[in-house]
C-alpha atoms as a PDB file:
ATOM      1  CA  MET A   1       8.160-109.461  33.355  1.00  0.00           C
ATOM      2  CA  ASN A   2       4.959-108.093  31.862  1.00  0.00           C
ATOM      3  CA  LEU A   3       1.553-109.070  32.817  1.00  0.00           C
ATOM      4  CA  ASN A   4       0.874-111.467  29.841  1.00  0.00           C
ATOM      5  CA  ARG A   5       4.075-113.628  30.746  1.00  0.00           C
ATOM      6  CA  LEU A   6       3.315-113.543  34.252  1.00  0.00           C
ATOM      7  CA  LEU A   7      -0.365-114.678  33.660  1.00  0.00           C
ATOM      8  CA  ALA A   8       0.708-117.467  31.259  1.00  0.00           C
ATOM      9  CA  VAL A   9       3.145-118.815  33.861  1.00  0.00           C
ATOM     10  CA  LEU A  10       0.414-118.723  36.433  1.00  0.00           C
ATOM     11  CA  ALA A  11      -1.770-120.602  34.166  1.00  0.00           C
ATOM     12  CA  PHE A  12       0.651-123.229  33.496  1.00  0.00           C
ATOM     13  CA  ALA A  13       1.255-123.590  37.462  1.00  0.00           C
ATOM     14  CA  VAL A  14      -2.636-123.976  37.944  1.00  0.00           C
ATOM     15  CA  PHE A  15      -2.589-126.619  34.962  1.00  0.00           C
ATOM     16  CA  LEU A  16       0.187-128.443  36.608  1.00  0.00           C
ATOM     17  CA  ALA A  17      -1.638-128.411  40.167  1.00  0.00           C
ATOM     18  CA  PHE A  18      -4.949-129.727  38.571  1.00  0.00           C
ATOM     19  CA  PHE A  19      -3.139-132.517  37.031  1.00  0.00           C
ATOM     20  CA  GLY A  20      -1.221-133.171  39.946  1.00  0.00           C
ATOM     21  CA  VAL A  21      -4.548-133.836  41.959  1.00  0.00           C
ATOM     22  CA  VAL A  22      -5.787-135.897  39.195  1.00  0.00           C
ATOM     23  CA  ILE A  23      -2.674-137.936  39.251  1.00  0.00           C
ATOM     24  CA  ARG A  24      -2.918-138.379  43.022  1.00  0.00           C
ATOM     25  CA  PHE A  25      -6.365-139.563  43.327  1.00  0.00           C
ATOM     26  CA  VAL A  26      -6.783-141.652  39.792  1.00  0.00           C
ATOM     27  CA  PRO A  27      -3.383-143.525  39.992  1.00  0.00           C
ATOM     28  CA  HIS A  28      -3.544-145.300  36.624  1.00  0.00           C
ATOM     29  CA  PRO A  29      -0.148-145.597  34.466  1.00  0.00           C
ATOM     30  CA  ASP A  30      -1.819-144.768  31.192  1.00  0.00           C
ATOM     31  CA  LEU A  31      -3.682-141.737  32.334  1.00  0.00           C
ATOM     32  CA  GLY A  32      -0.034-140.640  33.901  1.00  0.00           C
ATOM     33  CA  VAL A  33       1.435-141.129  30.462  1.00  0.00           C
ATOM     34  CA  ALA A  34      -1.119-139.097  28.760  1.00  0.00           C
ATOM     35  CA  ILE A  35      -1.199-136.379  31.191  1.00  0.00           C
ATOM     36  CA  GLY A  36       2.615-136.138  31.221  1.00  0.00           C
ATOM     37  CA  ILE A  37       2.732-135.879  27.524  1.00  0.00           C
ATOM     38  CA  GLY A  38       0.128-133.159  27.564  1.00  0.00           C
ATOM     39  CA  ILE A  39       2.212-131.197  30.328  1.00  0.00           C
ATOM     40  CA  LEU A  40       5.367-131.728  28.060  1.00  0.00           C
ATOM     41  CA  LEU A  41       3.626-130.292  25.102  1.00  0.00           C
ATOM     42  CA  ALA A  42       2.114-127.357  27.159  1.00  0.00           C
ATOM     43  CA  GLY A  43       5.292-126.639  28.717  1.00  0.00           C
ATOM     44  CA  TYR A  44       7.203-126.444  25.492  1.00  0.00           C
ATOM     45  CA  ASP A  45       4.555-124.175  24.054  1.00  0.00           C
ATOM     46  CA  LEU A  46       5.090-121.839  26.863  1.00  0.00           C
ATOM     47  CA  TRP A  47       8.664-121.853  26.820  1.00  0.00           C
ATOM     48  CA  SER A  48       8.683-121.113  23.045  1.00  0.00           C
ATOM     49  CA  GLN A  49       6.338-118.350  23.272  1.00  0.00           C
ATOM     50  CA  LEU A  50       8.121-116.608  26.059  1.00  0.00           C
ATOM     51  CA  ARG A  51      11.501-117.058  24.513  1.00  0.00           C
ATOM     52  CA  SER A  52      10.148-115.791  21.038  1.00  0.00           C
ATOM     53  CA  ARG A  53       8.915-112.474  22.550  1.00  0.00           C
ATOM     54  CA  ALA A  54      12.171-111.829  24.328  1.00  0.00           C
ATOM     55  CA  ARG A  55      13.914-111.264  20.976  1.00  0.00           C
END
């Protein structure tokens, strides 16, 4: 795994940790849905970018 991939995964982990704190201290269902959609989109983008470089 090269440095770019490692940093991308680390950035995604920090992204998840940040929104985990937001959800923990501001427990509104609509905010949770919006953050969940954002996390799914970011996760898909990360997965597709890491997968395309492997080929």
